[in-house]
Amino acid sequence: MSAPSTSDPVHVRLVKAGRTKIRYPAALLRDDGTHVVVRAAWASEGVRDFGFVQFAPGDVLTEHYWRDRWYAVKEVRAGDGTLKGWYCDITRPVVRGDDGDLLSEDLDLDLWVSADGSEVIRLDEDEFADSGLAKRYPAAAREATRALDGLELLARRGGFPALLS
């Protein structure tokens, strides 16, 4: 199977605990067989206020997925192009579903990195602990924790956005 071209339609499907959380259309910018980059508008209705950042209608996310890494990184920009920061989902490596969707399985851990790098915030560690992943799939839980630790270290060393090139 050849890599899709940037003219191919793509949908991103985020799955958590075996259920689809959200599915949305995106423009495929690049797929080199390992690293997939798409651009999508904020897919939820209304504003989502995390306290440290708000995602809102008009925001544009450039989303980076890898077939060999346990995370996805979403560059978040306001509608006027201002960089808000990077939201990092700890996930299993992305796959193409039977329906052609980019399938990203959320493992509950997240990391926020502000545009200027001054805020690096680990998120949802309580959800991860409560998920039971460590008991059911200890190897996956180790990969998830390793991915979060690695991204946090990279962020604290100023490694964003070099990671995304």
N, C-alpha and C. Protein backbone atom coordinates (compact mmCIF):
# COMPACT_ATOMS: atom_id res chain seq x y z
N MET A 1 0.85 -1.19 0.00
CA MET A 1 0.00 0.00 0.00
C MET A 1 0.88 1.23 0.00
N SER A 2 0.62 2.16 -0.87
CA SER A 2 1.42 3.37 -0.95
C SER A 2 0.95 4.39 0.09
N ALA A 3 1.87 5.29 0.42
CA ALA A 3 1.50 6.35 1.37
C ALA A 3 0.47 7.25 0.72
N PRO A 4 -0.49 7.73 1.50
CA PRO A 4 -1.52 8.60 0.93
C PRO A 4 -0.93 9.92 0.48
N SER A 5 -1.55 10.52 -0.51
CA SER A 5 -1.11 11.83 -0.96
C SER A 5 -1.83 12.89 -0.14
N THR A 6 -1.34 14.12 -0.23
CA THR A 6 -1.96 15.20 0.54
C THR A 6 -3.32 15.58 0.00
N SER A 7 -3.71 15.01 -1.14
CA SER A 7 -5.05 15.30 -1.65
C SER A 7 -6.09 14.32 -1.10
N ASP A 8 -5.63 13.27 -0.44
CA ASP A 8 -6.56 12.28 0.12
C ASP A 8 -7.30 12.88 1.32
N PRO A 9 -8.60 12.63 1.40
CA PRO A 9 -9.32 13.08 2.60
C PRO A 9 -8.88 12.23 3.79
N VAL A 10 -8.85 12.83 4.96
CA VAL A 10 -8.48 12.08 6.16
C VAL A 10 -9.37 12.51 7.31
N HIS A 11 -9.70 11.56 8.13
CA HIS A 11 -10.39 11.83 9.39
C HIS A 11 -9.51 11.32 10.52
N VAL A 12 -9.50 12.04 11.61
CA VAL A 12 -8.79 11.62 12.80
C VAL A 12 -9.84 11.09 13.76
N ARG A 13 -9.58 9.92 14.31
CA ARG A 13 -10.48 9.32 15.29
C ARG A 13 -9.70 9.09 16.57
N LEU A 14 -10.10 9.77 17.63
CA LEU A 14 -9.48 9.61 18.93
C LEU A 14 -10.31 8.62 19.74
N VAL A 15 -9.63 7.59 20.21
CA VAL A 15 -10.27 6.50 20.93
C VAL A 15 -9.74 6.47 22.36
N LYS A 16 -10.63 6.22 23.30
CA LYS A 16 -10.24 6.09 24.71
C LYS A 16 -11.03 4.94 25.30
N ALA A 17 -10.34 4.02 25.93
CA ALA A 17 -10.97 2.85 26.56
C ALA A 17 -11.87 2.10 25.56
N GLY A 18 -11.40 2.02 24.31
CA GLY A 18 -12.13 1.25 23.31
C GLY A 18 -13.29 1.97 22.64
N ARG A 19 -13.55 3.21 23.03
CA ARG A 19 -14.69 3.94 22.45
C ARG A 19 -14.20 5.22 21.77
N THR A 20 -14.84 5.57 20.69
CA THR A 20 -14.49 6.79 19.98
C THR A 20 -14.90 8.00 20.81
N LYS A 21 -13.93 8.86 21.15
CA LYS A 21 -14.20 10.12 21.85
C LYS A 21 -14.66 11.18 20.88
N ILE A 22 -13.95 11.25 19.75
CA ILE A 22 -14.27 12.27 18.75
C ILE A 22 -13.68 11.82 17.42
N ARG A 23 -14.35 12.21 16.36
CA ARG A 23 -13.88 11.96 14.99
C ARG A 23 -14.08 13.26 14.22
N TYR A 24 -13.05 13.71 13.51
CA TYR A 24 -13.15 14.99 12.81
C TYR A 24 -12.31 14.98 11.54
N PRO A 25 -12.70 15.80 10.58
CA PRO A 25 -11.94 15.89 9.33
C PRO A 25 -10.67 16.72 9.52
N ALA A 26 -9.66 16.38 8.72
CA ALA A 26 -8.41 17.12 8.77
C ALA A 26 -7.79 17.13 7.37
N ALA A 27 -6.95 18.12 7.14
CA ALA A 27 -6.20 18.19 5.89
C ALA A 27 -4.86 17.49 6.10
N LEU A 28 -4.59 16.51 5.29
CA LEU A 28 -3.32 15.79 5.37
C LEU A 28 -2.22 16.67 4.78
N LEU A 29 -1.24 17.03 5.61
CA LEU A 29 -0.14 17.86 5.16
C LEU A 29 1.07 17.03 4.75
N ARG A 30 1.29 15.92 5.48
CA ARG A 30 2.47 15.09 5.20
C ARG A 30 2.27 13.71 5.81
N ASP A 31 2.75 12.71 5.09
CA ASP A 31 2.80 11.35 5.61
C ASP A 31 3.98 10.67 4.96
N ASP A 32 5.07 10.53 5.72
CA ASP A 32 6.27 9.92 5.17
C ASP A 32 6.38 8.43 5.50
N GLY A 33 5.28 7.87 6.01
CA GLY A 33 5.28 6.47 6.39
C GLY A 33 5.50 6.26 7.89
N THR A 34 6.11 7.23 8.54
CA THR A 34 6.35 7.18 9.99
C THR A 34 5.68 8.35 10.69
N HIS A 35 5.85 9.54 10.14
CA HIS A 35 5.36 10.78 10.75
C HIS A 35 4.22 11.31 9.89
N VAL A 36 3.06 11.48 10.51
CA VAL A 36 1.87 11.98 9.82
C VAL A 36 1.53 13.35 10.40
N VAL A 37 1.31 14.33 9.52
CA VAL A 37 0.97 15.68 9.96
C VAL A 37 -0.35 16.07 9.30
N VAL A 38 -1.29 16.51 10.13
CA VAL A 38 -2.58 16.98 9.63
C VAL A 38 -2.88 18.34 10.24
N ARG A 39 -3.78 19.08 9.61
CA ARG A 39 -4.24 20.35 10.16
C ARG A 39 -5.75 20.29 10.26
N ALA A 40 -6.26 20.73 11.41
CA ALA A 40 -7.71 20.68 11.63
C ALA A 40 -8.14 21.87 12.47
N ALA A 41 -9.37 22.28 12.28
CA ALA A 41 -9.97 23.29 13.13
C ALA A 41 -10.34 22.65 14.46
N TRP A 42 -10.41 23.45 15.51
CA TRP A 42 -10.88 22.97 16.82
C TRP A 42 -12.20 22.27 16.59
N ALA A 43 -12.29 20.99 16.96
CA ALA A 43 -13.40 20.15 16.55
C ALA A 43 -14.57 20.12 17.53
N SER A 44 -14.43 20.68 18.69
CA SER A 44 -15.53 20.66 19.66
C SER A 44 -16.31 21.97 19.60
N GLU A 45 -17.53 21.90 20.03
CA GLU A 45 -18.34 23.12 20.09
C GLU A 45 -17.97 23.90 21.34
N GLY A 46 -17.94 25.19 21.21
CA GLY A 46 -17.69 26.04 22.37
C GLY A 46 -16.24 26.06 22.80
N VAL A 47 -16.03 26.73 23.93
CA VAL A 47 -14.70 26.93 24.49
C VAL A 47 -14.41 25.84 25.51
N ARG A 48 -13.20 25.33 25.49
CA ARG A 48 -12.75 24.41 26.54
C ARG A 48 -11.65 25.12 27.31
N ASP A 49 -11.95 25.43 28.56
CA ASP A 49 -11.03 26.18 29.41
C ASP A 49 -10.30 25.22 30.33
N PHE A 50 -8.99 25.09 30.14
CA PHE A 50 -8.17 24.22 30.98
C PHE A 50 -7.61 24.96 32.19
N GLY A 51 -7.81 26.27 32.23
CA GLY A 51 -7.23 27.08 33.29
C GLY A 51 -5.93 27.73 32.84
N PHE A 52 -5.09 26.99 32.19
CA PHE A 52 -3.81 27.51 31.70
C PHE A 52 -3.88 27.89 30.23
N VAL A 53 -4.93 27.44 29.52
CA VAL A 53 -5.16 27.78 28.12
C VAL A 53 -6.62 27.50 27.80
N GLN A 54 -7.13 28.23 26.82
CA GLN A 54 -8.48 27.96 26.32
C GLN A 54 -8.37 27.53 24.87
N PHE A 55 -9.11 26.46 24.53
CA PHE A 55 -9.28 26.08 23.13
C PHE A 55 -10.66 26.59 22.75
N ALA A 56 -10.74 27.18 21.55
CA ALA A 56 -11.98 27.84 21.17
C ALA A 56 -12.24 27.70 19.67
N PRO A 57 -13.50 27.87 19.28
CA PRO A 57 -13.79 27.90 17.84
C PRO A 57 -12.87 28.91 17.15
N GLY A 58 -12.38 28.54 16.00
CA GLY A 58 -11.43 29.37 15.27
C GLY A 58 -9.99 28.94 15.47
N ASP A 59 -9.71 28.21 16.56
CA ASP A 59 -8.36 27.70 16.77
C ASP A 59 -8.03 26.67 15.69
N VAL A 60 -6.75 26.62 15.35
CA VAL A 60 -6.27 25.68 14.34
C VAL A 60 -5.18 24.82 14.98
N LEU A 61 -5.30 23.52 14.80
CA LEU A 61 -4.32 22.59 15.36
C LEU A 61 -3.57 21.90 14.23
N THR A 62 -2.26 21.97 14.30
CA THR A 62 -1.41 21.18 13.42
C THR A 62 -0.97 20.00 14.26
N GLU A 63 -1.43 18.83 13.85
CA GLU A 63 -1.31 17.62 14.68
C GLU A 63 -0.25 16.69 14.09
N HIS A 64 0.65 16.25 14.94
CA HIS A 64 1.74 15.37 14.56
C HIS A 64 1.53 14.01 15.22
N TYR A 65 1.49 12.99 14.39
CA TYR A 65 1.33 11.61 14.85
C TYR A 65 2.50 10.80 14.31
N TRP A 66 2.88 9.78 15.05
CA TRP A 66 3.96 8.89 14.62
C TRP A 66 3.51 7.45 14.72
N ARG A 67 3.99 6.66 13.82
CA ARG A 67 3.70 5.22 13.83
C ARG A 67 4.68 4.45 14.71
N ASP A 68 5.70 5.15 15.22
CA ASP A 68 6.70 4.49 16.05
C ASP A 68 6.94 5.19 17.39
N ARG A 69 6.06 6.11 17.75
CA ARG A 69 6.19 6.83 19.03
C ARG A 69 4.87 6.75 19.79
N TRP A 70 4.97 6.83 21.10
CA TRP A 70 3.82 6.68 21.98
C TRP A 70 3.24 8.04 22.38
N TYR A 71 3.17 8.95 21.43
CA TYR A 71 2.56 10.25 21.69
C TYR A 71 2.15 10.91 20.38
N ALA A 72 1.31 11.93 20.53
CA ALA A 72 0.92 12.82 19.44
C ALA A 72 1.08 14.24 19.98
N VAL A 73 1.56 15.14 19.14
CA VAL A 73 1.77 16.53 19.56
C VAL A 73 0.92 17.43 18.68
N LYS A 74 0.15 18.28 19.33
CA LYS A 74 -0.76 19.17 18.63
C LYS A 74 -0.35 20.61 18.89
N GLU A 75 0.13 21.27 17.83
CA GLU A 75 0.46 22.69 17.92
C GLU A 75 -0.85 23.46 17.83
N VAL A 76 -1.11 24.30 18.82
CA VAL A 76 -2.39 25.01 18.90
C VAL A 76 -2.17 26.49 18.63
N ARG A 77 -2.91 26.99 17.64
CA ARG A 77 -2.84 28.40 17.29
C ARG A 77 -4.24 29.01 17.32
N ALA A 78 -4.31 30.24 17.77
CA ALA A 78 -5.56 30.99 17.71
C ALA A 78 -5.88 31.27 16.24
N GLY A 79 -7.10 31.66 15.98
CA GLY A 79 -7.53 31.95 14.62
C GLY A 79 -6.68 33.00 13.92
N ASP A 80 -6.07 33.91 14.69
CA ASP A 80 -5.22 34.94 14.09
C ASP A 80 -3.79 34.47 13.87
N GLY A 81 -3.52 33.19 14.17
CA GLY A 81 -2.18 32.63 13.95
C GLY A 81 -1.27 32.65 15.15
N THR A 82 -1.69 33.30 16.24
CA THR A 82 -0.86 33.36 17.44
C THR A 82 -0.71 31.97 18.05
N LEU A 83 0.54 31.58 18.29
CA LEU A 83 0.82 30.28 18.91
C LEU A 83 0.40 30.30 20.37
N LYS A 84 -0.45 29.34 20.74
CA LYS A 84 -0.85 29.18 22.14
C LYS A 84 0.09 28.21 22.85
N GLY A 85 0.49 27.15 22.15
CA GLY A 85 1.39 26.16 22.73
C GLY A 85 1.18 24.81 22.10
N TRP A 86 1.64 23.78 22.81
CA TRP A 86 1.55 22.41 22.32
C TRP A 86 0.85 21.53 23.34
N TYR A 87 -0.15 20.82 22.87
CA TYR A 87 -0.85 19.86 23.71
C TYR A 87 -0.39 18.48 23.26
N CYS A 88 0.17 17.73 24.17
CA CYS A 88 0.74 16.42 23.85
C CYS A 88 -0.12 15.33 24.47
N ASP A 89 -0.63 14.46 23.63
CA ASP A 89 -1.39 13.29 24.08
C ASP A 89 -0.46 12.09 24.12
N ILE A 90 -0.47 11.38 25.21
CA ILE A 90 0.26 10.12 25.27
C ILE A 90 -0.69 9.07 24.70
N THR A 91 -0.24 8.42 23.65
CA THR A 91 -1.08 7.50 22.89
C THR A 91 -0.26 6.28 22.45
N ARG A 92 -0.96 5.27 22.01
CA ARG A 92 -0.25 4.21 21.27
C ARG A 92 0.16 4.81 19.93
N PRO A 93 1.16 4.21 19.27
CA PRO A 93 1.50 4.70 17.92
C PRO A 93 0.26 4.70 17.02
N VAL A 94 0.15 5.74 16.19
CA VAL A 94 -1.02 5.90 15.34
C VAL A 94 -1.05 4.80 14.27
N VAL A 95 -2.25 4.41 13.91
CA VAL A 95 -2.46 3.44 12.83
C VAL A 95 -3.56 3.95 11.92
N ARG A 96 -3.64 3.38 10.74
CA ARG A 96 -4.77 3.64 9.85
C ARG A 96 -5.81 2.58 10.12
N GLY A 97 -7.03 3.00 10.42
CA GLY A 97 -8.12 2.07 10.64
C GLY A 97 -8.56 1.45 9.33
N ASP A 98 -9.37 0.41 9.41
CA ASP A 98 -9.90 -0.24 8.22
C ASP A 98 -10.69 0.75 7.36
N ASP A 99 -11.23 1.78 7.99
CA ASP A 99 -12.00 2.80 7.27
C ASP A 99 -11.13 3.93 6.74
N GLY A 100 -9.82 3.85 6.92
CA GLY A 100 -8.90 4.88 6.45
C GLY A 100 -8.63 5.98 7.44
N ASP A 101 -9.37 6.00 8.55
CA ASP A 101 -9.15 7.02 9.58
C ASP A 101 -7.77 6.87 10.20
N LEU A 102 -7.20 7.99 10.62
CA LEU A 102 -6.03 7.94 11.50
C LEU A 102 -6.58 7.63 12.88
N LEU A 103 -6.15 6.55 13.45
CA LEU A 103 -6.68 6.07 14.72
C LEU A 103 -5.64 6.29 15.81
N SER A 104 -5.98 7.12 16.77
CA SER A 104 -5.08 7.46 17.87
C SER A 104 -5.75 7.04 19.18
N GLU A 105 -5.10 6.13 19.90
CA GLU A 105 -5.65 5.60 21.16
C GLU A 105 -5.06 6.35 22.34
N ASP A 106 -5.88 7.13 23.00
CA ASP A 106 -5.51 7.96 24.15
C ASP A 106 -5.24 7.08 25.36
N LEU A 107 -4.08 7.29 26.01
CA LEU A 107 -3.72 6.53 27.20
C LEU A 107 -3.81 7.37 28.47
N ASP A 108 -4.56 8.44 28.42
CA ASP A 108 -4.92 9.29 29.56
C ASP A 108 -3.88 10.32 29.97
N LEU A 109 -2.62 10.09 29.76
CA LEU A 109 -1.61 11.07 30.15
C LEU A 109 -1.49 12.16 29.10
N ASP A 110 -1.25 13.39 29.55
CA ASP A 110 -1.09 14.52 28.65
C ASP A 110 -0.03 15.47 29.18
N LEU A 111 0.46 16.32 28.30
CA LEU A 111 1.43 17.34 28.67
C LEU A 111 1.07 18.62 27.94
N TRP A 112 1.10 19.74 28.64
CA TRP A 112 0.90 21.04 28.01
C TRP A 112 2.22 21.80 28.07
N VAL A 113 2.60 22.41 26.94
CA VAL A 113 3.78 23.26 26.86
C VAL A 113 3.32 24.60 26.29
N SER A 114 3.50 25.67 27.06
CA SER A 114 3.08 26.99 26.59
C SER A 114 3.98 27.47 25.46
N ALA A 115 3.49 28.43 24.70
CA ALA A 115 4.20 28.93 23.53
C ALA A 115 5.61 29.40 23.86
N ASP A 116 5.79 30.04 25.00
CA ASP A 116 7.12 30.52 25.37
C ASP A 116 7.93 29.50 26.16
N GLY A 117 7.34 28.33 26.41
CA GLY A 117 8.04 27.26 27.12
C GLY A 117 8.11 27.44 28.62
N SER A 118 7.49 28.50 29.15
CA SER A 118 7.58 28.76 30.59
C SER A 118 6.69 27.83 31.41
N GLU A 119 5.65 27.29 30.78
CA GLU A 119 4.77 26.35 31.47
C GLU A 119 4.88 24.98 30.81
N VAL A 120 5.24 24.01 31.61
CA VAL A 120 5.26 22.61 31.19
C VAL A 120 4.47 21.87 32.26
N ILE A 121 3.28 21.41 31.89
CA ILE A 121 2.34 20.89 32.88
C ILE A 121 1.95 19.46 32.53
N ARG A 122 2.20 18.55 33.46
CA ARG A 122 1.75 17.16 33.31
C ARG A 122 0.27 17.11 33.70
N LEU A 123 -0.51 16.38 32.91
CA LEU A 123 -1.95 16.34 33.11
C LEU A 123 -2.46 14.90 33.20
N ASP A 124 -3.53 14.74 33.96
CA ASP A 124 -4.33 13.51 33.99
C ASP A 124 -3.61 12.28 34.52
N GLU A 125 -2.60 12.50 35.37
CA GLU A 125 -1.91 11.34 35.95
C GLU A 125 -2.84 10.53 36.84
N ASP A 126 -3.83 11.20 37.46
CA ASP A 126 -4.80 10.48 38.27
C ASP A 126 -5.69 9.59 37.40
N GLU A 127 -6.11 10.08 36.25
CA GLU A 127 -6.91 9.27 35.32
C GLU A 127 -6.11 8.06 34.84
N PHE A 128 -4.84 8.27 34.57
CA PHE A 128 -3.98 7.18 34.12
C PHE A 128 -3.89 6.11 35.21
N ALA A 129 -3.67 6.53 36.43
CA ALA A 129 -3.59 5.57 37.55
C ALA A 129 -4.91 4.83 37.72
N ASP A 130 -6.02 5.54 37.59
CA ASP A 130 -7.34 4.92 37.75
C ASP A 130 -7.75 4.04 36.57
N SER A 131 -7.10 4.19 35.43
CA SER A 131 -7.49 3.45 34.23
C SER A 131 -7.23 1.96 34.32
N GLY A 132 -6.30 1.56 35.17
CA GLY A 132 -5.96 0.15 35.31
C GLY A 132 -5.03 -0.36 34.22
N LEU A 133 -4.53 0.52 33.37
CA LEU A 133 -3.66 0.12 32.28
C LEU A 133 -2.41 -0.59 32.80
N ALA A 134 -1.84 -0.09 33.88
CA ALA A 134 -0.62 -0.67 34.43
C ALA A 134 -0.83 -2.14 34.83
N LYS A 135 -2.01 -2.46 35.28
CA LYS A 135 -2.30 -3.85 35.68
C LYS A 135 -2.64 -4.71 34.45
N ARG A 136 -3.45 -4.17 33.55
CA ARG A 136 -3.88 -4.94 32.37
C ARG A 136 -2.79 -5.08 31.32
N TYR A 137 -2.06 -4.00 31.08
CA TYR A 137 -1.03 -3.97 30.03
C TYR A 137 0.21 -3.25 30.56
N PRO A 138 0.98 -3.92 31.42
CA PRO A 138 2.12 -3.24 32.04
C PRO A 138 3.14 -2.70 31.04
N ALA A 139 3.37 -3.38 29.94
CA ALA A 139 4.34 -2.88 28.96
C ALA A 139 3.84 -1.58 28.33
N ALA A 140 2.56 -1.50 28.03
CA ALA A 140 1.99 -0.27 27.46
C ALA A 140 2.06 0.87 28.47
N ALA A 141 1.79 0.56 29.73
CA ALA A 141 1.87 1.59 30.77
C ALA A 141 3.29 2.11 30.92
N ARG A 142 4.28 1.23 30.83
CA ARG A 142 5.67 1.67 30.89
C ARG A 142 6.01 2.57 29.70
N GLU A 143 5.55 2.19 28.51
CA GLU A 143 5.81 3.02 27.32
C GLU A 143 5.14 4.39 27.47
N ALA A 144 3.93 4.42 27.99
CA ALA A 144 3.21 5.68 28.18
C ALA A 144 3.96 6.59 29.16
N THR A 145 4.39 6.04 30.27
CA THR A 145 5.12 6.82 31.26
C THR A 145 6.45 7.31 30.70
N ARG A 146 7.13 6.44 29.99
CA ARG A 146 8.41 6.80 29.36
C ARG A 146 8.20 7.94 28.35
N ALA A 147 7.12 7.86 27.57
CA ALA A 147 6.83 8.91 26.58
C ALA A 147 6.57 10.25 27.27
N LEU A 148 5.78 10.24 28.33
CA LEU A 148 5.49 11.49 29.05
C LEU A 148 6.77 12.07 29.64
N ASP A 149 7.57 11.24 30.28
CA ASP A 149 8.82 11.72 30.87
C ASP A 149 9.75 12.30 29.81
N GLY A 150 9.83 11.63 28.66
CA GLY A 150 10.70 12.11 27.59
C GLY A 150 10.24 13.43 27.00
N LEU A 151 8.94 13.56 26.79
CA LEU A 151 8.40 14.82 26.27
C LEU A 151 8.60 15.96 27.26
N GLU A 152 8.39 15.68 28.53
CA GLU A 152 8.57 16.72 29.55
C GLU A 152 10.03 17.18 29.57
N LEU A 153 10.95 16.26 29.53
CA LEU A 153 12.37 16.61 29.53
C LEU A 153 12.72 17.43 28.29
N LEU A 154 12.23 17.02 27.14
CA LEU A 154 12.47 17.76 25.91
C LEU A 154 11.91 19.18 26.00
N ALA A 155 10.71 19.31 26.53
CA ALA A 155 10.08 20.63 26.67
C ALA A 155 10.88 21.52 27.62
N ARG A 156 11.32 20.97 28.73
CA ARG A 156 12.07 21.76 29.71
C ARG A 156 13.43 22.19 29.17
N ARG A 157 13.94 21.45 28.19
CA ARG A 157 15.21 21.81 27.55
C ARG A 157 15.02 22.69 26.32
N GLY A 158 13.78 23.12 26.08
CA GLY A 158 13.49 24.00 24.94
C GLY A 158 13.41 23.27 23.61
N GLY A 159 13.10 21.98 23.63
CA GLY A 159 13.08 21.18 22.42
C GLY A 159 11.86 21.30 21.54
N PHE A 160 10.88 22.08 21.95
CA PHE A 160 9.74 22.36 21.10
C PHE A 160 10.04 23.66 20.38
N PRO A 161 9.85 23.85 19.13
CA PRO A 161 9.17 22.99 18.17
C PRO A 161 10.10 22.11 17.34
N ALA A 162 11.39 22.04 17.66
CA ALA A 162 12.33 21.24 16.85
C ALA A 162 11.87 19.80 16.69
N LEU A 163 11.16 19.27 17.68
CA LEU A 163 10.64 17.92 17.63
C LEU A 163 9.74 17.71 16.41
N LEU A 164 9.09 18.76 15.97
CA LEU A 164 8.05 18.64 14.96
C LEU A 164 8.56 18.81 13.53
N SER A 165 9.82 19.08 13.36
CA SER A 165 10.32 19.30 12.00
C SER A 165 10.77 18.01 11.34
